[in-house]
Amino acid sequence: MDSTRETTQGRLDAAGFWQVWQRFDAEEKGYIEEKELDAFFYHMLLQFRTDDAVMEENVHKMKQQFMSAHNVSKDGRIQMKELACMFLSEDENFLLLFRRETPLDSSVEFMQIWRKYDADSSGFISAAELRNFLRDLFRHHKKAISEAKLEEYTGTMVSN
């Protein structure tokens, strides 16, 4: 694994990545342009409190690493998930993608749905209850989800 990736992956959470991502994808298209990569990497490195003396060099290294590992489409668009895996652990990457697919109106909304499944108020639910919770969360937002995707989400959350 490249040393640049080792120093960044796992040190940022989904919320921190999302905050930087929104600066560049304000219209929520799900991608940024290749020409925005330098600025994106610069802002990401600010999250890690990178020393200004090595900032430019690190931005250049990160861009090279990304470009060599990914085949940027002809239109120059870079998807959020392509960049997220560079900075986030698997758990945080999942949370980021889940957050993007199912945005909640508020934490109150989340807790209302959660309480339905955590009947004993223990703060925990079983895998089967989690699957039903996720299904209802998607239904609440009028989003279709396949059983396979539901199993994938449930499995990821339970195994971590």
N, C-alpha and C. Protein backbone atom coordinates (compact mmCIF):
# COMPACT_ATOMS: atom_id res chain seq x y z
N MET A 1 0.85 -1.18 0.00
CA MET A 1 0.00 0.00 0.00
C MET A 1 0.89 1.24 0.00
N ASP A 2 0.51 2.25 -0.70
CA ASP A 2 1.28 3.49 -0.80
C ASP A 2 1.29 4.22 0.54
N SER A 3 2.42 4.85 0.86
CA SER A 3 2.56 5.53 2.14
C SER A 3 1.59 6.70 2.29
N THR A 4 1.24 7.36 1.20
CA THR A 4 0.28 8.46 1.28
C THR A 4 -1.07 7.93 1.75
N ARG A 5 -1.47 6.81 1.20
CA ARG A 5 -2.76 6.23 1.59
C ARG A 5 -2.71 5.75 3.04
N GLU A 6 -1.60 5.15 3.44
CA GLU A 6 -1.48 4.66 4.81
C GLU A 6 -1.63 5.78 5.82
N THR A 7 -1.14 6.96 5.50
CA THR A 7 -1.21 8.05 6.46
C THR A 7 -2.57 8.72 6.49
N THR A 8 -3.40 8.49 5.49
CA THR A 8 -4.70 9.16 5.46
C THR A 8 -5.86 8.23 5.76
N GLN A 9 -5.81 7.00 5.28
CA GLN A 9 -6.96 6.12 5.43
C GLN A 9 -7.18 5.77 6.90
N GLY A 10 -8.43 5.89 7.32
CA GLY A 10 -8.78 5.54 8.69
C GLY A 10 -8.64 6.68 9.67
N ARG A 11 -8.10 7.81 9.25
CA ARG A 11 -7.93 8.94 10.16
C ARG A 11 -9.04 9.97 9.99
N LEU A 12 -9.97 9.71 9.12
CA LEU A 12 -11.05 10.65 8.85
C LEU A 12 -12.36 9.88 8.91
N ASP A 13 -13.40 10.53 9.38
CA ASP A 13 -14.69 9.85 9.40
C ASP A 13 -15.54 10.32 8.22
N ALA A 14 -16.67 9.66 8.04
CA ALA A 14 -17.56 9.95 6.91
C ALA A 14 -18.03 11.40 6.93
N ALA A 15 -18.30 11.93 8.12
CA ALA A 15 -18.78 13.32 8.22
C ALA A 15 -17.71 14.30 7.75
N GLY A 16 -16.45 14.06 8.11
CA GLY A 16 -15.36 14.93 7.67
C GLY A 16 -15.17 14.89 6.17
N PHE A 17 -15.22 13.69 5.60
CA PHE A 17 -15.10 13.56 4.15
C PHE A 17 -16.27 14.26 3.47
N TRP A 18 -17.48 14.04 3.97
CA TRP A 18 -18.69 14.63 3.39
C TRP A 18 -18.61 16.16 3.40
N GLN A 19 -18.08 16.71 4.47
CA GLN A 19 -17.94 18.16 4.58
C GLN A 19 -17.06 18.72 3.46
N VAL A 20 -15.94 18.07 3.20
CA VAL A 20 -15.05 18.51 2.12
C VAL A 20 -15.71 18.25 0.77
N TRP A 21 -16.29 17.07 0.61
CA TRP A 21 -16.92 16.70 -0.66
C TRP A 21 -17.97 17.74 -1.07
N GLN A 22 -18.78 18.19 -0.14
CA GLN A 22 -19.86 19.13 -0.45
C GLN A 22 -19.33 20.47 -0.96
N ARG A 23 -18.11 20.84 -0.59
CA ARG A 23 -17.52 22.07 -1.12
C ARG A 23 -17.36 21.99 -2.63
N PHE A 24 -17.10 20.79 -3.12
CA PHE A 24 -16.81 20.59 -4.54
C PHE A 24 -18.01 20.05 -5.32
N ASP A 25 -18.94 19.45 -4.64
CA ASP A 25 -20.14 18.91 -5.28
C ASP A 25 -21.38 19.52 -4.63
N ALA A 26 -21.44 20.83 -4.67
CA ALA A 26 -22.54 21.56 -4.02
C ALA A 26 -23.90 21.20 -4.61
N GLU A 27 -23.94 20.85 -5.89
CA GLU A 27 -25.21 20.49 -6.54
C GLU A 27 -25.56 19.02 -6.34
N GLU A 28 -24.73 18.29 -5.60
CA GLU A 28 -24.95 16.88 -5.29
C GLU A 28 -25.14 16.03 -6.54
N LYS A 29 -24.22 16.20 -7.49
CA LYS A 29 -24.24 15.42 -8.72
C LYS A 29 -23.63 14.04 -8.50
N GLY A 30 -22.83 13.90 -7.45
CA GLY A 30 -22.19 12.62 -7.16
C GLY A 30 -20.80 12.50 -7.75
N TYR A 31 -20.32 13.56 -8.38
CA TYR A 31 -18.97 13.53 -8.96
C TYR A 31 -18.37 14.93 -8.91
N ILE A 32 -17.04 14.97 -9.08
CA ILE A 32 -16.35 16.25 -9.27
C ILE A 32 -15.54 16.12 -10.55
N GLU A 33 -15.11 17.25 -11.05
CA GLU A 33 -14.34 17.27 -12.30
C GLU A 33 -12.86 17.01 -11.99
N GLU A 34 -12.18 16.40 -12.93
CA GLU A 34 -10.75 16.11 -12.77
C GLU A 34 -9.95 17.37 -12.44
N LYS A 35 -10.33 18.49 -13.04
CA LYS A 35 -9.61 19.74 -12.81
C LYS A 35 -9.72 20.23 -11.36
N GLU A 36 -10.66 19.67 -10.59
CA GLU A 36 -10.84 20.07 -9.20
C GLU A 36 -10.03 19.20 -8.22
N LEU A 37 -9.35 18.19 -8.73
CA LEU A 37 -8.64 17.25 -7.85
C LEU A 37 -7.60 17.90 -6.95
N ASP A 38 -6.77 18.78 -7.51
CA ASP A 38 -5.74 19.42 -6.68
C ASP A 38 -6.36 20.14 -5.49
N ALA A 39 -7.39 20.92 -5.75
CA ALA A 39 -8.04 21.65 -4.66
C ALA A 39 -8.72 20.70 -3.68
N PHE A 40 -9.32 19.64 -4.20
CA PHE A 40 -9.96 18.65 -3.34
C PHE A 40 -8.93 18.01 -2.40
N PHE A 41 -7.82 17.54 -2.97
CA PHE A 41 -6.78 16.91 -2.15
C PHE A 41 -6.20 17.91 -1.15
N TYR A 42 -6.04 19.15 -1.55
CA TYR A 42 -5.54 20.18 -0.64
C TYR A 42 -6.47 20.29 0.58
N HIS A 43 -7.78 20.38 0.31
CA HIS A 43 -8.74 20.51 1.41
C HIS A 43 -8.79 19.24 2.27
N MET A 44 -8.62 18.09 1.64
CA MET A 44 -8.60 16.85 2.42
C MET A 44 -7.38 16.83 3.34
N LEU A 45 -6.23 17.24 2.82
CA LEU A 45 -5.02 17.25 3.65
C LEU A 45 -5.12 18.26 4.79
N LEU A 46 -5.88 19.32 4.59
CA LEU A 46 -6.11 20.26 5.69
C LEU A 46 -6.80 19.55 6.86
N GLN A 47 -7.66 18.59 6.54
CA GLN A 47 -8.35 17.82 7.58
C GLN A 47 -7.35 17.03 8.44
N PHE A 48 -6.20 16.69 7.84
CA PHE A 48 -5.18 15.92 8.55
C PHE A 48 -4.11 16.82 9.16
N ARG A 49 -4.33 18.13 9.07
CA ARG A 49 -3.39 19.12 9.61
C ARG A 49 -1.98 18.92 9.05
N THR A 50 -1.94 18.75 7.75
CA THR A 50 -0.66 18.56 7.06
C THR A 50 0.15 19.85 7.10
N ASP A 51 1.43 19.72 7.34
CA ASP A 51 2.35 20.86 7.39
C ASP A 51 2.36 21.56 6.04
N ASP A 52 2.23 22.88 6.05
CA ASP A 52 2.21 23.66 4.81
C ASP A 52 3.46 23.44 3.95
N ALA A 53 4.58 23.15 4.60
CA ALA A 53 5.84 22.98 3.86
C ALA A 53 5.80 21.78 2.92
N VAL A 54 5.02 20.77 3.26
CA VAL A 54 4.95 19.57 2.41
C VAL A 54 3.58 19.41 1.73
N MET A 55 2.72 20.40 1.91
CA MET A 55 1.36 20.31 1.37
C MET A 55 1.35 20.10 -0.14
N GLU A 56 2.06 20.96 -0.86
CA GLU A 56 2.05 20.87 -2.33
C GLU A 56 2.58 19.52 -2.81
N GLU A 57 3.66 19.07 -2.19
CA GLU A 57 4.24 17.78 -2.56
C GLU A 57 3.25 16.64 -2.29
N ASN A 58 2.57 16.69 -1.15
CA ASN A 58 1.60 15.65 -0.81
C ASN A 58 0.39 15.67 -1.74
N VAL A 59 -0.07 16.86 -2.10
CA VAL A 59 -1.19 16.97 -3.05
C VAL A 59 -0.79 16.33 -4.37
N HIS A 60 0.41 16.63 -4.82
CA HIS A 60 0.91 16.07 -6.09
C HIS A 60 0.99 14.53 -6.00
N LYS A 61 1.53 14.01 -4.89
CA LYS A 61 1.64 12.56 -4.71
C LYS A 61 0.26 11.90 -4.71
N MET A 62 -0.68 12.52 -4.00
CA MET A 62 -2.02 11.95 -3.92
C MET A 62 -2.69 11.92 -5.29
N LYS A 63 -2.52 12.99 -6.03
CA LYS A 63 -3.14 13.04 -7.36
C LYS A 63 -2.51 11.97 -8.26
N GLN A 64 -1.20 11.84 -8.21
CA GLN A 64 -0.52 10.81 -9.02
C GLN A 64 -1.01 9.42 -8.63
N GLN A 65 -1.10 9.18 -7.34
CA GLN A 65 -1.55 7.88 -6.85
C GLN A 65 -2.97 7.60 -7.34
N PHE A 66 -3.83 8.59 -7.22
CA PHE A 66 -5.22 8.40 -7.64
C PHE A 66 -5.31 8.15 -9.14
N MET A 67 -4.64 8.98 -9.92
CA MET A 67 -4.72 8.87 -11.38
C MET A 67 -4.14 7.54 -11.88
N SER A 68 -3.12 7.02 -11.20
CA SER A 68 -2.55 5.75 -11.65
C SER A 68 -3.44 4.57 -11.28
N ALA A 69 -4.24 4.72 -10.24
CA ALA A 69 -5.10 3.62 -9.78
C ALA A 69 -6.49 3.64 -10.40
N HIS A 70 -6.91 4.78 -10.93
CA HIS A 70 -8.27 4.90 -11.46
C HIS A 70 -8.25 5.35 -12.90
N ASN A 71 -9.15 4.81 -13.65
CA ASN A 71 -9.32 5.20 -15.05
C ASN A 71 -10.40 6.28 -15.10
N VAL A 72 -9.99 7.53 -15.06
CA VAL A 72 -10.94 8.64 -15.07
C VAL A 72 -11.66 8.63 -16.41
N SER A 73 -12.98 8.74 -16.34
CA SER A 73 -13.79 8.66 -17.56
C SER A 73 -13.42 9.77 -18.53
N LYS A 74 -13.80 9.57 -19.78
CA LYS A 74 -13.48 10.54 -20.84
C LYS A 74 -14.01 11.93 -20.52
N ASP A 75 -15.12 11.98 -19.80
CA ASP A 75 -15.69 13.29 -19.48
C ASP A 75 -15.02 13.96 -18.28
N GLY A 76 -14.01 13.30 -17.68
CA GLY A 76 -13.26 13.90 -16.59
C GLY A 76 -13.98 13.90 -15.25
N ARG A 77 -15.01 13.08 -15.13
CA ARG A 77 -15.79 13.04 -13.88
C ARG A 77 -15.23 11.97 -12.94
N ILE A 78 -15.13 12.34 -11.68
CA ILE A 78 -14.62 11.43 -10.66
C ILE A 78 -15.72 11.24 -9.61
N GLN A 79 -16.13 10.01 -9.45
CA GLN A 79 -17.21 9.68 -8.52
C GLN A 79 -16.74 9.77 -7.07
N MET A 80 -17.67 10.11 -6.19
CA MET A 80 -17.37 10.23 -4.77
C MET A 80 -16.77 8.93 -4.22
N LYS A 81 -17.35 7.78 -4.59
CA LYS A 81 -16.87 6.52 -4.02
C LYS A 81 -15.43 6.22 -4.42
N GLU A 82 -14.99 6.73 -5.57
CA GLU A 82 -13.60 6.51 -5.99
C GLU A 82 -12.63 7.23 -5.05
N LEU A 83 -12.99 8.42 -4.64
CA LEU A 83 -12.12 9.19 -3.74
C LEU A 83 -12.28 8.76 -2.29
N ALA A 84 -13.49 8.38 -1.91
CA ALA A 84 -13.74 8.02 -0.51
C ALA A 84 -12.88 6.85 -0.07
N CYS A 85 -12.68 5.87 -0.95
CA CYS A 85 -11.90 4.69 -0.55
C CYS A 85 -10.44 5.05 -0.29
N MET A 86 -10.01 6.18 -0.77
CA MET A 86 -8.64 6.63 -0.54
C MET A 86 -8.44 7.17 0.88
N PHE A 87 -9.51 7.67 1.46
CA PHE A 87 -9.41 8.37 2.74
C PHE A 87 -10.11 7.67 3.90
N LEU A 88 -11.11 6.85 3.60
CA LEU A 88 -11.95 6.30 4.65
C LEU A 88 -11.72 4.81 4.84
N SER A 89 -11.90 4.38 6.07
CA SER A 89 -11.89 2.95 6.35
C SER A 89 -13.13 2.35 5.69
N GLU A 90 -13.18 1.04 5.62
CA GLU A 90 -14.33 0.37 5.00
C GLU A 90 -15.63 0.74 5.71
N ASP A 91 -15.61 0.78 7.03
CA ASP A 91 -16.80 1.13 7.81
C ASP A 91 -17.28 2.53 7.48
N GLU A 92 -16.35 3.48 7.51
CA GLU A 92 -16.71 4.87 7.25
C GLU A 92 -17.14 5.07 5.80
N ASN A 93 -16.53 4.35 4.88
CA ASN A 93 -16.91 4.42 3.48
C ASN A 93 -18.36 3.96 3.31
N PHE A 94 -18.71 2.86 3.98
CA PHE A 94 -20.09 2.37 3.95
C PHE A 94 -21.04 3.43 4.50
N LEU A 95 -20.70 4.01 5.64
CA LEU A 95 -21.57 5.03 6.24
C LEU A 95 -21.75 6.23 5.31
N LEU A 96 -20.69 6.61 4.64
CA LEU A 96 -20.76 7.73 3.70
C LEU A 96 -21.72 7.42 2.56
N LEU A 97 -21.58 6.25 1.95
CA LEU A 97 -22.43 5.89 0.83
C LEU A 97 -23.87 5.68 1.28
N PHE A 98 -24.06 5.11 2.47
CA PHE A 98 -25.40 4.94 3.01
C PHE A 98 -26.04 6.30 3.27
N ARG A 99 -25.26 7.21 3.81
CA ARG A 99 -25.75 8.57 4.10
C ARG A 99 -26.19 9.27 2.82
N ARG A 100 -25.44 9.08 1.76
CA ARG A 100 -25.76 9.71 0.49
C ARG A 100 -27.03 9.13 -0.12
N GLU A 101 -27.21 7.82 0.01
CA GLU A 101 -28.38 7.16 -0.56
C GLU A 101 -29.64 7.42 0.24
N THR A 102 -29.51 7.57 1.55
CA THR A 102 -30.67 7.71 2.42
C THR A 102 -30.48 8.87 3.39
N PRO A 103 -30.54 10.09 2.88
CA PRO A 103 -30.37 11.22 3.79
C PRO A 103 -31.57 11.35 4.74
N LEU A 104 -31.29 11.55 6.00
CA LEU A 104 -32.36 11.73 6.98
C LEU A 104 -32.66 13.21 7.13
N ASP A 105 -33.94 13.49 7.37
CA ASP A 105 -34.32 14.88 7.58
C ASP A 105 -33.80 15.38 8.92
N SER A 106 -33.70 14.48 9.89
CA SER A 106 -33.18 14.88 11.19
C SER A 106 -32.82 13.65 12.01
N SER A 107 -32.11 13.87 13.09
CA SER A 107 -31.79 12.76 13.98
C SER A 107 -33.05 12.29 14.71
N VAL A 108 -34.03 13.17 14.86
CA VAL A 108 -35.30 12.80 15.47
C VAL A 108 -35.98 11.74 14.61
N GLU A 109 -35.96 11.94 13.30
CA GLU A 109 -36.55 10.97 12.37
C GLU A 109 -35.86 9.61 12.53
N PHE A 110 -34.54 9.62 12.60
CA PHE A 110 -33.78 8.38 12.78
C PHE A 110 -34.21 7.70 14.08
N MET A 111 -34.28 8.45 15.17
CA MET A 111 -34.62 7.86 16.47
C MET A 111 -36.04 7.32 16.49
N GLN A 112 -36.98 7.97 15.80
CA GLN A 112 -38.35 7.47 15.74
C GLN A 112 -38.38 6.09 15.08
N ILE A 113 -37.65 5.94 14.00
CA ILE A 113 -37.60 4.65 13.31
C ILE A 113 -36.85 3.63 14.18
N TRP A 114 -35.73 4.06 14.78
CA TRP A 114 -34.92 3.15 15.60
C TRP A 114 -35.71 2.57 16.77
N ARG A 115 -36.46 3.42 17.48
CA ARG A 115 -37.20 2.98 18.67
C ARG A 115 -38.20 1.87 18.36
N LYS A 116 -38.72 1.88 17.15
CA LYS A 116 -39.66 0.84 16.73
C LYS A 116 -38.99 -0.53 16.81
N TYR A 117 -37.70 -0.60 16.55
CA TYR A 117 -36.98 -1.88 16.51
C TYR A 117 -36.23 -2.18 17.79
N ASP A 118 -35.90 -1.17 18.55
CA ASP A 118 -35.22 -1.34 19.83
C ASP A 118 -36.26 -1.24 20.94
N ALA A 119 -37.19 -2.19 20.95
CA ALA A 119 -38.34 -2.13 21.86
C ALA A 119 -37.94 -2.11 23.33
N ASP A 120 -36.84 -2.78 23.68
CA ASP A 120 -36.43 -2.81 25.08
C ASP A 120 -35.50 -1.66 25.46
N SER A 121 -35.28 -0.74 24.53
CA SER A 121 -34.44 0.45 24.75
C SER A 121 -33.02 0.10 25.19
N SER A 122 -32.52 -1.02 24.72
CA SER A 122 -31.16 -1.44 25.09
C SER A 122 -30.09 -0.74 24.26
N GLY A 123 -30.50 -0.16 23.13
CA GLY A 123 -29.54 0.46 22.23
C GLY A 123 -29.01 -0.50 21.20
N PHE A 124 -29.50 -1.74 21.22
CA PHE A 124 -29.05 -2.78 20.29
C PHE A 124 -30.24 -3.42 19.59
N ILE A 125 -30.01 -3.88 18.35
CA ILE A 125 -31.01 -4.65 17.63
C ILE A 125 -30.32 -5.84 16.96
N SER A 126 -31.08 -6.89 16.72
CA SER A 126 -30.52 -8.09 16.09
C SER A 126 -30.32 -7.85 14.59
N ALA A 127 -29.64 -8.78 13.93
CA ALA A 127 -29.40 -8.66 12.49
C ALA A 127 -30.72 -8.62 11.72
N ALA A 128 -31.67 -9.47 12.11
CA ALA A 128 -32.98 -9.49 11.43
C ALA A 128 -33.70 -8.16 11.65
N GLU A 129 -33.64 -7.64 12.88
CA GLU A 129 -34.27 -6.35 13.17
C GLU A 129 -33.58 -5.23 12.40
N LEU A 130 -32.26 -5.32 12.28
CA LEU A 130 -31.51 -4.31 11.53
C LEU A 130 -31.95 -4.31 10.07
N ARG A 131 -32.09 -5.49 9.49
CA ARG A 131 -32.53 -5.60 8.09
C ARG A 131 -33.90 -4.94 7.92
N ASN A 132 -34.82 -5.21 8.85
CA ASN A 132 -36.15 -4.59 8.78
C ASN A 132 -36.08 -3.08 9.00
N PHE A 133 -35.20 -2.67 9.91
CA PHE A 133 -34.99 -1.24 10.15
C PHE A 133 -34.53 -0.54 8.88
N LEU A 134 -33.53 -1.12 8.21
CA LEU A 134 -33.01 -0.52 6.98
C LEU A 134 -34.07 -0.51 5.88
N ARG A 135 -34.84 -1.60 5.76
CA ARG A 135 -35.91 -1.67 4.77
C ARG A 135 -36.90 -0.52 4.99
N ASP A 136 -37.32 -0.34 6.25
CA ASP A 136 -38.28 0.72 6.55
C ASP A 136 -37.69 2.10 6.33
N LEU A 137 -36.42 2.26 6.62
CA LEU A 137 -35.75 3.54 6.40
C LEU A 137 -35.77 3.90 4.92
N PHE A 138 -35.48 2.93 4.07
CA PHE A 138 -35.53 3.17 2.62
C PHE A 138 -36.96 3.44 2.17
N ARG A 139 -37.92 2.68 2.67
CA ARG A 139 -39.33 2.91 2.30
C ARG A 139 -39.77 4.31 2.70
N HIS A 140 -39.35 4.71 3.90
CA HIS A 140 -39.72 6.03 4.41
C HIS A 140 -39.28 7.13 3.44
N HIS A 141 -38.16 6.89 2.77
CA HIS A 141 -37.64 7.87 1.81
C HIS A 141 -38.02 7.54 0.38
N LYS A 142 -38.98 6.60 0.25
CA LYS A 142 -39.50 6.22 -1.07
C LYS A 142 -38.39 5.80 -2.03
N LYS A 143 -37.47 5.02 -1.49
CA LYS A 143 -36.36 4.49 -2.29
C LYS A 143 -36.46 2.98 -2.34
N ALA A 144 -36.34 2.44 -3.53
CA ALA A 144 -36.37 0.99 -3.70
C ALA A 144 -35.00 0.42 -3.33
N ILE A 145 -35.02 -0.74 -2.72
CA ILE A 145 -33.78 -1.43 -2.39
C ILE A 145 -33.99 -2.93 -2.61
N SER A 146 -33.06 -3.54 -3.27
CA SER A 146 -33.16 -4.98 -3.52
C SER A 146 -32.83 -5.74 -2.24
N GLU A 147 -33.33 -6.97 -2.17
CA GLU A 147 -33.02 -7.82 -1.02
C GLU A 147 -31.52 -8.07 -0.92
N ALA A 148 -30.87 -8.21 -2.08
CA ALA A 148 -29.42 -8.44 -2.09
C ALA A 148 -28.68 -7.26 -1.47
N LYS A 149 -29.07 -6.04 -1.84
CA LYS A 149 -28.43 -4.84 -1.30
C LYS A 149 -28.73 -4.71 0.19
N LEU A 150 -29.94 -5.05 0.57
CA LEU A 150 -30.33 -5.02 1.98
C LEU A 150 -29.47 -5.99 2.79
N GLU A 151 -29.25 -7.18 2.25
CA GLU A 151 -28.39 -8.17 2.90
C GLU A 151 -26.96 -7.66 3.00
N GLU A 152 -26.49 -7.02 1.93
CA GLU A 152 -25.13 -6.48 1.92
C GLU A 152 -24.96 -5.43 3.01
N TYR A 153 -25.90 -4.48 3.08
CA TYR A 153 -25.84 -3.43 4.10
C TYR A 153 -25.89 -4.04 5.50
N THR A 154 -26.82 -4.96 5.70
CA THR A 154 -26.97 -5.58 7.02
C THR A 154 -25.70 -6.33 7.40
N GLY A 155 -25.18 -7.12 6.47
CA GLY A 155 -23.96 -7.88 6.72
C GLY A 155 -22.79 -6.99 7.06
N THR A 156 -22.66 -5.89 6.35
CA THR A 156 -21.56 -4.96 6.60
C THR A 156 -21.68 -4.35 7.99
N MET A 157 -22.88 -3.97 8.36
CA MET A 157 -23.07 -3.33 9.66
C MET A 157 -22.90 -4.32 10.82
N VAL A 158 -23.35 -5.53 10.63
CA VAL A 158 -23.28 -6.53 11.70
C VAL A 158 -21.85 -7.02 11.90
N SER A 159 -21.10 -7.16 10.81
CA SER A 159 -19.75 -7.71 10.92
C SER A 159 -18.74 -6.71 11.45
N ASN A 160 -19.09 -5.44 11.52
CA ASN A 160 -18.12 -4.44 11.96
C ASN A 160 -18.32 -4.02 13.37
